Amino acid sequence: MNLVAQWHPEKAPYLDGDTVRDHLQTLMKAGMGWRRIADVSKVSKSTIHGVLYGKYPGNPAHPEHRPPRRKVRRDIATKLLLVELSRANGATLDSASTRRRLRELLDLGWTHTNLAARLGMSPSNFGALLTRSRVTKATARAVQALHNQLRDTSPTQKRAQSKPAIGA
C-alpha cells in the first residue's frame, strides 16, 4: 500500500475488489444481469466480467487465466458502487398474480397474439409467461398496467364500438 492510500484512503487510486464484487453480486441476486449493470454504470462489460470472474475463469491452465480482480480503479469502482438496487428491474417475483391477471384478460376474449403485442413480446414468449413460476419485476409491472387498462373492456366490445351501424 502506498503512503497516500495509507494516510488518505479517499485518495487511494484503487478500491478493494471484494467490496465492488460484493455489490455487483447483490445487484445480480436482485435480478440485474452484469450486462445491464454495464449499461447503467457506463462501465465496459469486459471490465465488469473481470471484476466478477477474472479472465478464463473456467480454465485455470489457460496461459492468460486471471482470477477476479483484487483491486478496482477508483473511478470505475465508484461508477459500479453508485448502481442502486432500484435499477434491478430484472429482480424476480412469484408469478401467480401476473398469471391470474393474464388469464382474466384471456377469459375476456383477448388473444395471446394481441396481449403479447401490447406487452412487446412474441406470442411464444407470452405462452411461456403463462406457465413460469417467476417473472421479472418489469414484466409484472407491465402486465399489471395492461390488466388495469383492459380489464373493463373486451376486444369484441372495442370492435363493436368502432364499427359503424349498418345503413348509417
N, C-alpha and C. Protein backbone atom coordinates (compact mmCIF):
# COMPACT_ATOMS: atom_id res chain seq x y z
N MET A 1 0.86 -1.17 0.00
CA MET A 1 0.00 0.00 0.00
C MET A 1 0.90 1.24 0.00
N ASN A 2 0.60 2.19 -0.87
CA ASN A 2 1.44 3.37 -0.91
C ASN A 2 1.06 4.33 0.22
N LEU A 3 1.90 5.29 0.50
CA LEU A 3 1.69 6.19 1.64
C LEU A 3 0.46 7.07 1.47
N VAL A 4 0.18 7.51 0.25
CA VAL A 4 -1.02 8.34 0.04
C VAL A 4 -2.25 7.55 0.44
N ALA A 5 -2.34 6.31 -0.01
CA ALA A 5 -3.50 5.48 0.31
C ALA A 5 -3.56 5.18 1.81
N GLN A 6 -2.41 5.02 2.43
CA GLN A 6 -2.39 4.70 3.87
C GLN A 6 -2.88 5.88 4.70
N TRP A 7 -2.47 7.10 4.37
CA TRP A 7 -2.82 8.26 5.18
C TRP A 7 -4.06 8.98 4.68
N HIS A 8 -4.38 8.81 3.41
CA HIS A 8 -5.57 9.44 2.83
C HIS A 8 -6.32 8.40 1.98
N PRO A 9 -7.08 7.49 2.64
CA PRO A 9 -7.74 6.42 1.88
C PRO A 9 -8.67 6.96 0.79
N GLU A 10 -9.23 8.15 0.99
CA GLU A 10 -10.13 8.73 -0.01
C GLU A 10 -9.41 9.10 -1.30
N LYS A 11 -8.08 9.13 -1.26
CA LYS A 11 -7.29 9.45 -2.45
C LYS A 11 -6.62 8.21 -3.06
N ALA A 12 -6.87 7.06 -2.48
CA ALA A 12 -6.26 5.83 -2.99
C ALA A 12 -6.68 5.62 -4.44
N PRO A 13 -5.76 5.24 -5.29
CA PRO A 13 -6.10 5.08 -6.71
C PRO A 13 -6.97 3.84 -6.97
N TYR A 14 -6.99 2.89 -6.03
CA TYR A 14 -7.74 1.66 -6.20
C TYR A 14 -8.61 1.39 -4.98
N LEU A 15 -9.72 0.68 -5.22
CA LEU A 15 -10.56 0.22 -4.12
C LEU A 15 -10.51 -1.31 -4.10
N ASP A 16 -10.86 -1.86 -2.97
CA ASP A 16 -10.85 -3.30 -2.78
C ASP A 16 -11.81 -3.99 -3.75
N GLY A 17 -11.31 -4.95 -4.48
CA GLY A 17 -12.13 -5.67 -5.45
C GLY A 17 -13.27 -6.44 -4.80
N ASP A 18 -13.05 -6.96 -3.58
CA ASP A 18 -14.11 -7.71 -2.90
C ASP A 18 -15.32 -6.83 -2.60
N THR A 19 -15.09 -5.59 -2.23
CA THR A 19 -16.19 -4.67 -1.93
C THR A 19 -17.02 -4.43 -3.19
N VAL A 20 -16.36 -4.18 -4.28
CA VAL A 20 -17.06 -3.93 -5.54
C VAL A 20 -17.77 -5.20 -6.00
N ARG A 21 -17.09 -6.34 -5.90
CA ARG A 21 -17.66 -7.62 -6.31
C ARG A 21 -18.90 -7.95 -5.47
N ASP A 22 -18.84 -7.71 -4.16
CA ASP A 22 -20.00 -7.96 -3.29
C ASP A 22 -21.20 -7.13 -3.73
N HIS A 23 -20.94 -5.87 -4.08
CA HIS A 23 -22.04 -5.01 -4.54
C HIS A 23 -22.62 -5.54 -5.85
N LEU A 24 -21.76 -5.93 -6.77
CA LEU A 24 -22.23 -6.47 -8.04
C LEU A 24 -23.05 -7.74 -7.83
N GLN A 25 -22.59 -8.59 -6.92
CA GLN A 25 -23.32 -9.83 -6.64
C GLN A 25 -24.67 -9.56 -5.99
N THR A 26 -24.75 -8.52 -5.16
CA THR A 26 -26.03 -8.13 -4.57
C THR A 26 -27.00 -7.69 -5.65
N LEU A 27 -26.50 -6.89 -6.59
CA LEU A 27 -27.34 -6.44 -7.71
C LEU A 27 -27.80 -7.64 -8.53
N MET A 28 -26.91 -8.58 -8.74
CA MET A 28 -27.25 -9.75 -9.55
C MET A 28 -28.26 -10.65 -8.84
N LYS A 29 -28.14 -10.78 -7.53
CA LYS A 29 -29.13 -11.57 -6.78
C LYS A 29 -30.51 -10.93 -6.86
N ALA A 30 -30.54 -9.61 -7.04
CA ALA A 30 -31.81 -8.90 -7.18
C ALA A 30 -32.34 -8.99 -8.61
N GLY A 31 -31.60 -9.70 -9.47
CA GLY A 31 -32.07 -9.93 -10.82
C GLY A 31 -31.46 -9.06 -11.89
N MET A 32 -30.46 -8.30 -11.54
CA MET A 32 -29.82 -7.42 -12.52
C MET A 32 -28.61 -8.14 -13.10
N GLY A 33 -28.64 -8.41 -14.39
CA GLY A 33 -27.51 -9.08 -15.03
C GLY A 33 -26.31 -8.17 -15.17
N TRP A 34 -25.14 -8.77 -15.34
CA TRP A 34 -23.93 -7.93 -15.41
C TRP A 34 -23.91 -7.09 -16.67
N ARG A 35 -24.59 -7.52 -17.71
CA ARG A 35 -24.67 -6.69 -18.92
C ARG A 35 -25.53 -5.45 -18.65
N ARG A 36 -26.61 -5.61 -17.91
CA ARG A 36 -27.46 -4.47 -17.55
C ARG A 36 -26.68 -3.52 -16.63
N ILE A 37 -25.92 -4.08 -15.71
CA ILE A 37 -25.08 -3.25 -14.83
C ILE A 37 -24.11 -2.42 -15.67
N ALA A 38 -23.55 -3.03 -16.71
CA ALA A 38 -22.63 -2.31 -17.60
C ALA A 38 -23.35 -1.16 -18.28
N ASP A 39 -24.56 -1.40 -18.76
CA ASP A 39 -25.32 -0.33 -19.44
C ASP A 39 -25.63 0.82 -18.49
N VAL A 40 -26.06 0.49 -17.28
CA VAL A 40 -26.45 1.52 -16.31
C VAL A 40 -25.23 2.30 -15.81
N SER A 41 -24.14 1.59 -15.53
CA SER A 41 -22.96 2.24 -14.94
C SER A 41 -22.04 2.89 -15.96
N LYS A 42 -22.22 2.55 -17.24
CA LYS A 42 -21.33 3.04 -18.30
C LYS A 42 -19.91 2.51 -18.11
N VAL A 43 -19.81 1.30 -17.57
CA VAL A 43 -18.54 0.60 -17.43
C VAL A 43 -18.59 -0.56 -18.41
N SER A 44 -17.48 -0.84 -19.07
CA SER A 44 -17.48 -1.87 -20.11
C SER A 44 -17.82 -3.25 -19.52
N LYS A 45 -18.43 -4.06 -20.35
CA LYS A 45 -18.81 -5.41 -19.95
C LYS A 45 -17.58 -6.23 -19.59
N SER A 46 -16.51 -6.04 -20.34
CA SER A 46 -15.29 -6.82 -20.07
C SER A 46 -14.69 -6.44 -18.72
N THR A 47 -14.78 -5.18 -18.34
CA THR A 47 -14.27 -4.75 -17.04
C THR A 47 -15.09 -5.39 -15.93
N ILE A 48 -16.42 -5.35 -16.07
CA ILE A 48 -17.28 -5.95 -15.05
C ILE A 48 -17.03 -7.45 -14.97
N HIS A 49 -16.89 -8.08 -16.12
CA HIS A 49 -16.61 -9.51 -16.13
C HIS A 49 -15.30 -9.80 -15.40
N GLY A 50 -14.29 -8.96 -15.62
CA GLY A 50 -13.01 -9.14 -14.94
C GLY A 50 -13.11 -8.99 -13.43
N VAL A 51 -13.93 -8.05 -12.98
CA VAL A 51 -14.12 -7.86 -11.54
C VAL A 51 -14.84 -9.07 -10.95
N LEU A 52 -15.86 -9.54 -11.65
CA LEU A 52 -16.66 -10.65 -11.14
C LEU A 52 -15.95 -12.00 -11.25
N TYR A 53 -15.38 -12.28 -12.41
CA TYR A 53 -14.92 -13.63 -12.70
C TYR A 53 -13.45 -13.76 -13.04
N GLY A 54 -12.82 -12.66 -13.43
CA GLY A 54 -11.45 -12.74 -13.90
C GLY A 54 -11.42 -13.04 -15.38
N LYS A 55 -10.35 -13.62 -15.83
CA LYS A 55 -10.19 -13.95 -17.25
C LYS A 55 -10.02 -15.46 -17.37
N TYR A 56 -10.77 -16.06 -18.27
CA TYR A 56 -10.78 -17.51 -18.45
C TYR A 56 -11.01 -18.22 -17.11
N PRO A 57 -12.10 -17.89 -16.41
CA PRO A 57 -12.32 -18.46 -15.09
C PRO A 57 -12.50 -19.98 -15.09
N GLY A 58 -13.03 -20.53 -16.16
CA GLY A 58 -13.24 -21.97 -16.20
C GLY A 58 -12.03 -22.75 -16.66
N ASN A 59 -10.93 -22.06 -16.95
CA ASN A 59 -9.75 -22.73 -17.47
C ASN A 59 -8.48 -22.18 -16.83
N PRO A 60 -8.21 -22.60 -15.57
CA PRO A 60 -7.01 -22.07 -14.89
C PRO A 60 -5.70 -22.42 -15.58
N ALA A 61 -5.72 -23.42 -16.44
CA ALA A 61 -4.49 -23.79 -17.15
C ALA A 61 -4.21 -22.88 -18.34
N HIS A 62 -5.19 -22.08 -18.72
CA HIS A 62 -5.01 -21.19 -19.87
C HIS A 62 -3.89 -20.19 -19.54
N PRO A 63 -3.02 -19.92 -20.52
CA PRO A 63 -1.90 -19.01 -20.25
C PRO A 63 -2.32 -17.59 -19.87
N GLU A 64 -3.54 -17.17 -20.26
CA GLU A 64 -3.99 -15.83 -19.92
C GLU A 64 -4.99 -15.82 -18.77
N HIS A 65 -5.13 -16.94 -18.08
CA HIS A 65 -6.06 -17.01 -16.94
C HIS A 65 -5.70 -15.97 -15.87
N ARG A 66 -6.71 -15.29 -15.36
CA ARG A 66 -6.53 -14.35 -14.25
C ARG A 66 -7.69 -14.55 -13.27
N PRO A 67 -7.42 -14.49 -11.98
CA PRO A 67 -8.51 -14.56 -11.01
C PRO A 67 -9.30 -13.25 -11.03
N PRO A 68 -10.45 -13.20 -10.36
CA PRO A 68 -11.17 -11.93 -10.28
C PRO A 68 -10.26 -10.84 -9.71
N ARG A 69 -10.50 -9.62 -10.15
CA ARG A 69 -9.63 -8.51 -9.74
C ARG A 69 -9.63 -8.30 -8.23
N ARG A 70 -8.42 -8.13 -7.68
CA ARG A 70 -8.31 -7.83 -6.25
C ARG A 70 -8.49 -6.34 -6.00
N LYS A 71 -8.15 -5.53 -7.01
CA LYS A 71 -8.27 -4.08 -6.90
C LYS A 71 -9.01 -3.56 -8.12
N VAL A 72 -9.77 -2.49 -7.90
CA VAL A 72 -10.51 -1.86 -8.99
C VAL A 72 -10.20 -0.37 -8.96
N ARG A 73 -9.89 0.18 -10.12
CA ARG A 73 -9.61 1.62 -10.18
C ARG A 73 -10.74 2.39 -9.54
N ARG A 74 -10.40 3.43 -8.80
CA ARG A 74 -11.38 4.21 -8.04
C ARG A 74 -12.51 4.74 -8.92
N ASP A 75 -12.20 5.28 -10.09
CA ASP A 75 -13.26 5.85 -10.92
C ASP A 75 -14.25 4.79 -11.38
N ILE A 76 -13.74 3.61 -11.70
CA ILE A 76 -14.61 2.52 -12.13
C ILE A 76 -15.40 1.98 -10.95
N ALA A 77 -14.73 1.78 -9.82
CA ALA A 77 -15.41 1.28 -8.63
C ALA A 77 -16.54 2.22 -8.22
N THR A 78 -16.31 3.51 -8.31
CA THR A 78 -17.33 4.49 -7.94
C THR A 78 -18.55 4.37 -8.84
N LYS A 79 -18.32 4.25 -10.14
CA LYS A 79 -19.44 4.08 -11.08
C LYS A 79 -20.26 2.84 -10.74
N LEU A 80 -19.55 1.75 -10.42
CA LEU A 80 -20.25 0.50 -10.12
C LEU A 80 -20.98 0.56 -8.79
N LEU A 81 -20.36 1.17 -7.80
CA LEU A 81 -20.98 1.24 -6.48
C LEU A 81 -22.17 2.19 -6.45
N LEU A 82 -22.27 3.08 -7.43
CA LEU A 82 -23.40 4.00 -7.49
C LEU A 82 -24.65 3.37 -8.12
N VAL A 83 -24.52 2.18 -8.70
CA VAL A 83 -25.69 1.50 -9.27
C VAL A 83 -26.55 1.01 -8.11
N GLU A 84 -27.80 1.45 -8.11
CA GLU A 84 -28.69 1.14 -6.99
C GLU A 84 -29.57 -0.07 -7.30
N LEU A 85 -30.00 -0.73 -6.23
CA LEU A 85 -30.88 -1.89 -6.37
C LEU A 85 -32.18 -1.54 -7.09
N SER A 86 -32.62 -0.32 -6.96
CA SER A 86 -33.88 0.08 -7.60
C SER A 86 -33.80 -0.03 -9.12
N ARG A 87 -32.58 -0.09 -9.67
CA ARG A 87 -32.41 -0.22 -11.12
C ARG A 87 -32.53 -1.67 -11.58
N ALA A 88 -32.69 -2.58 -10.62
CA ALA A 88 -32.72 -4.01 -10.94
C ALA A 88 -34.13 -4.46 -11.30
N ASN A 89 -34.61 -4.03 -12.48
CA ASN A 89 -35.93 -4.44 -12.94
C ASN A 89 -35.98 -5.93 -13.25
N GLY A 90 -34.85 -6.57 -13.27
CA GLY A 90 -34.81 -7.99 -13.55
C GLY A 90 -35.04 -8.84 -12.32
N ALA A 91 -35.21 -8.22 -11.15
CA ALA A 91 -35.48 -8.98 -9.95
C ALA A 91 -36.73 -9.81 -10.19
N THR A 92 -36.72 -11.04 -9.71
CA THR A 92 -37.85 -11.91 -9.99
C THR A 92 -38.80 -12.00 -8.80
N LEU A 93 -40.07 -12.22 -9.15
CA LEU A 93 -41.14 -12.35 -8.18
C LEU A 93 -41.93 -13.61 -8.49
N ASP A 94 -42.71 -14.07 -7.52
CA ASP A 94 -43.65 -15.15 -7.79
C ASP A 94 -44.62 -14.66 -8.86
N SER A 95 -44.95 -15.52 -9.81
CA SER A 95 -45.74 -15.08 -10.95
C SER A 95 -47.24 -15.31 -10.80
N ALA A 96 -47.70 -15.79 -9.66
CA ALA A 96 -49.11 -16.15 -9.51
C ALA A 96 -50.05 -15.00 -9.87
N SER A 97 -49.80 -13.80 -9.34
CA SER A 97 -50.70 -12.68 -9.63
C SER A 97 -50.60 -12.24 -11.09
N THR A 98 -49.42 -12.34 -11.67
CA THR A 98 -49.24 -12.00 -13.08
C THR A 98 -50.02 -12.98 -13.96
N ARG A 99 -49.88 -14.27 -13.66
CA ARG A 99 -50.62 -15.28 -14.44
C ARG A 99 -52.13 -15.09 -14.28
N ARG A 100 -52.59 -14.79 -13.06
CA ARG A 100 -54.02 -14.57 -12.82
C ARG A 100 -54.54 -13.41 -13.66
N ARG A 101 -53.80 -12.32 -13.70
CA ARG A 101 -54.22 -11.15 -14.49
C ARG A 101 -54.30 -11.49 -15.98
N LEU A 102 -53.31 -12.22 -16.47
CA LEU A 102 -53.31 -12.59 -17.88
C LEU A 102 -54.47 -13.52 -18.20
N ARG A 103 -54.75 -14.47 -17.32
CA ARG A 103 -55.87 -15.39 -17.56
C ARG A 103 -57.20 -14.66 -17.56
N GLU A 104 -57.33 -13.65 -16.71
CA GLU A 104 -58.56 -12.84 -16.70
C GLU A 104 -58.75 -12.15 -18.06
N LEU A 105 -57.66 -11.61 -18.58
CA LEU A 105 -57.75 -10.93 -19.88
C LEU A 105 -58.07 -11.93 -21.00
N LEU A 106 -57.48 -13.12 -20.92
CA LEU A 106 -57.79 -14.15 -21.91
C LEU A 106 -59.25 -14.57 -21.81
N ASP A 107 -59.76 -14.68 -20.59
CA ASP A 107 -61.18 -15.04 -20.40
C ASP A 107 -62.11 -13.97 -20.97
N LEU A 108 -61.66 -12.72 -20.97
CA LEU A 108 -62.46 -11.64 -21.56
C LEU A 108 -62.46 -11.69 -23.08
N GLY A 109 -61.59 -12.50 -23.65
CA GLY A 109 -61.55 -12.63 -25.11
C GLY A 109 -60.31 -12.07 -25.77
N TRP A 110 -59.40 -11.50 -25.00
CA TRP A 110 -58.15 -11.00 -25.59
C TRP A 110 -57.33 -12.21 -26.02
N THR A 111 -56.69 -12.12 -27.17
CA THR A 111 -55.90 -13.24 -27.69
C THR A 111 -54.47 -13.18 -27.20
N HIS A 112 -53.81 -14.34 -27.26
CA HIS A 112 -52.38 -14.40 -26.94
C HIS A 112 -51.61 -13.41 -27.80
N THR A 113 -51.92 -13.40 -29.08
CA THR A 113 -51.20 -12.54 -30.03
C THR A 113 -51.37 -11.07 -29.69
N ASN A 114 -52.61 -10.67 -29.38
CA ASN A 114 -52.88 -9.27 -29.07
C ASN A 114 -52.19 -8.85 -27.76
N LEU A 115 -52.31 -9.69 -26.73
CA LEU A 115 -51.69 -9.35 -25.44
C LEU A 115 -50.16 -9.34 -25.57
N ALA A 116 -49.63 -10.30 -26.30
CA ALA A 116 -48.17 -10.34 -26.50
C ALA A 116 -47.70 -9.05 -27.17
N ALA A 117 -48.42 -8.63 -28.22
CA ALA A 117 -48.03 -7.40 -28.93
C ALA A 117 -48.10 -6.20 -27.99
N ARG A 118 -49.13 -6.13 -27.17
CA ARG A 118 -49.26 -5.00 -26.25
C ARG A 118 -48.17 -5.00 -25.19
N LEU A 119 -47.64 -6.17 -24.89
CA LEU A 119 -46.55 -6.27 -23.91
C LEU A 119 -45.17 -6.19 -24.56
N GLY A 120 -45.16 -6.12 -25.91
CA GLY A 120 -43.88 -6.03 -26.61
C GLY A 120 -43.11 -7.33 -26.64
N MET A 121 -43.82 -8.45 -26.70
CA MET A 121 -43.14 -9.74 -26.73
C MET A 121 -43.73 -10.62 -27.83
N SER A 122 -43.04 -11.67 -28.15
CA SER A 122 -43.54 -12.59 -29.17
C SER A 122 -44.61 -13.48 -28.55
N PRO A 123 -45.53 -13.99 -29.36
CA PRO A 123 -46.56 -14.89 -28.83
C PRO A 123 -45.99 -16.13 -28.14
N SER A 124 -44.85 -16.64 -28.63
CA SER A 124 -44.27 -17.82 -27.99
C SER A 124 -43.75 -17.48 -26.59
N ASN A 125 -43.16 -16.29 -26.43
CA ASN A 125 -42.72 -15.87 -25.09
C ASN A 125 -43.92 -15.64 -24.19
N PHE A 126 -45.00 -15.12 -24.77
CA PHE A 126 -46.21 -14.89 -23.99
C PHE A 126 -46.76 -16.22 -23.46
N GLY A 127 -46.75 -17.24 -24.31
CA GLY A 127 -47.23 -18.56 -23.88
C GLY A 127 -46.41 -19.09 -22.71
N ALA A 128 -45.10 -18.89 -22.76
CA ALA A 128 -44.23 -19.34 -21.67
C ALA A 128 -44.51 -18.55 -20.40
N LEU A 129 -44.90 -17.30 -20.55
CA LEU A 129 -45.20 -16.44 -19.41
C LEU A 129 -46.36 -17.01 -18.58
N LEU A 130 -47.27 -17.71 -19.25
CA LEU A 130 -48.43 -18.29 -18.56
C LEU A 130 -48.08 -19.50 -17.72
N THR A 131 -46.89 -20.05 -17.88
CA THR A 131 -46.52 -21.25 -17.14
C THR A 131 -45.34 -21.05 -16.19
N ARG A 132 -44.66 -19.93 -16.29
CA ARG A 132 -43.49 -19.69 -15.43
C ARG A 132 -43.90 -19.52 -13.98
N SER A 133 -43.03 -19.95 -13.09
CA SER A 133 -43.31 -19.76 -11.66
C SER A 133 -42.80 -18.41 -11.17
N ARG A 134 -41.90 -17.80 -11.94
CA ARG A 134 -41.36 -16.49 -11.55
C ARG A 134 -41.32 -15.58 -12.77
N VAL A 135 -41.48 -14.28 -12.54
CA VAL A 135 -41.38 -13.27 -13.59
C VAL A 135 -40.55 -12.11 -13.06
N THR A 136 -40.03 -11.30 -13.98
CA THR A 136 -39.27 -10.13 -13.54
C THR A 136 -40.22 -9.06 -13.02
N LYS A 137 -39.68 -8.17 -12.22
CA LYS A 137 -40.47 -7.03 -11.73
C LYS A 137 -41.02 -6.23 -12.90
N ALA A 138 -40.19 -6.02 -13.88
CA ALA A 138 -40.60 -5.23 -15.04
C ALA A 138 -41.79 -5.88 -15.75
N THR A 139 -41.74 -7.19 -15.92
CA THR A 139 -42.85 -7.90 -16.57
C THR A 139 -44.10 -7.83 -15.71
N ALA A 140 -43.95 -8.03 -14.42
CA ALA A 140 -45.10 -7.97 -13.51
C ALA A 140 -45.76 -6.59 -13.58
N ARG A 141 -44.94 -5.53 -13.60
CA ARG A 141 -45.49 -4.17 -13.69
C ARG A 141 -46.20 -3.94 -15.03
N ALA A 142 -45.61 -4.43 -16.10
CA ALA A 142 -46.21 -4.25 -17.43
C ALA A 142 -47.55 -4.98 -17.52
N VAL A 143 -47.61 -6.19 -16.99
CA VAL A 143 -48.87 -6.95 -17.02
C VAL A 143 -49.91 -6.28 -16.14
N GLN A 144 -49.51 -5.78 -14.99
CA GLN A 144 -50.46 -5.09 -14.11
C GLN A 144 -51.04 -3.86 -14.80
N ALA A 145 -50.19 -3.08 -15.45
CA ALA A 145 -50.66 -1.88 -16.16
C ALA A 145 -51.60 -2.27 -17.31
N LEU A 146 -51.25 -3.31 -18.05
CA LEU A 146 -52.09 -3.76 -19.14
C LEU A 146 -53.44 -4.27 -18.62
N HIS A 147 -53.40 -5.00 -17.53
CA HIS A 147 -54.63 -5.51 -16.91
C HIS A 147 -55.52 -4.35 -16.48
N ASN A 148 -54.94 -3.35 -15.85
CA ASN A 148 -55.71 -2.18 -15.42
C ASN A 148 -56.35 -1.46 -16.61
N GLN A 149 -55.65 -1.44 -17.72
CA GLN A 149 -56.14 -0.76 -18.92
C GLN A 149 -57.27 -1.54 -19.60
N LEU A 150 -57.15 -2.88 -19.61
CA LEU A 150 -58.07 -3.68 -20.42
C LEU A 150 -59.15 -4.44 -19.64
N ARG A 151 -59.07 -4.47 -18.32
CA ARG A 151 -59.94 -5.36 -17.54
C ARG A 151 -61.44 -5.03 -17.66
N ASP A 152 -61.78 -3.81 -17.98
CA ASP A 152 -63.19 -3.43 -18.07
C ASP A 152 -63.72 -3.44 -19.50
N THR A 153 -62.92 -3.92 -20.42
CA THR A 153 -63.36 -3.99 -21.82
C THR A 153 -63.02 -5.36 -22.37
N SER A 154 -63.70 -5.72 -23.41
CA SER A 154 -63.32 -6.95 -24.12
C SER A 154 -62.99 -6.55 -25.55
N PRO A 155 -62.23 -7.34 -26.23
CA PRO A 155 -61.87 -6.98 -27.60
C PRO A 155 -63.10 -6.91 -28.50
N THR A 156 -64.13 -7.70 -28.22
CA THR A 156 -65.34 -7.66 -29.04
C THR A 156 -66.09 -6.36 -28.82
N GLN A 157 -66.10 -5.84 -27.59
CA GLN A 157 -66.74 -4.54 -27.32
C GLN A 157 -66.04 -3.45 -28.12
N LYS A 158 -64.72 -3.47 -28.13
CA LYS A 158 -63.96 -2.45 -28.86
C LYS A 158 -64.29 -2.51 -30.34
N ARG A 159 -64.35 -3.73 -30.92
CA ARG A 159 -64.65 -3.87 -32.34
C ARG A 159 -66.08 -3.39 -32.63
N ALA A 160 -67.02 -3.75 -31.77
CA ALA A 160 -68.42 -3.37 -31.99
C ALA A 160 -68.58 -1.85 -31.92
N GLN A 161 -67.84 -1.21 -30.99
CA GLN A 161 -67.94 0.24 -30.84
C GLN A 161 -67.31 0.97 -32.03
N SER A 162 -66.32 0.37 -32.65
CA SER A 162 -65.61 1.07 -33.72
C SER A 162 -66.28 0.88 -35.08
N LYS A 163 -67.19 -0.12 -35.20
CA LYS A 163 -67.87 -0.34 -36.48
C LYS A 163 -69.08 0.56 -36.60
N PRO A 164 -69.29 1.16 -37.76
CA PRO A 164 -70.48 1.98 -37.94
C PRO A 164 -71.72 1.08 -38.05
N ALA A 165 -72.85 1.58 -37.65
CA ALA A 165 -74.09 0.82 -37.74
C ALA A 165 -74.41 0.57 -39.19
N ILE A 166 -75.06 -0.56 -39.46
CA ILE A 166 -75.44 -0.90 -40.83
C ILE A 166 -76.49 0.11 -41.31
N GLY A 167 -76.30 0.63 -42.47
CA GLY A 167 -77.22 1.59 -43.07
C GLY A 167 -76.99 3.01 -42.61
N ALA A 168 -75.94 3.23 -41.83
CA ALA A 168 -75.67 4.58 -41.34
C ALA A 168 -74.96 5.40 -42.37
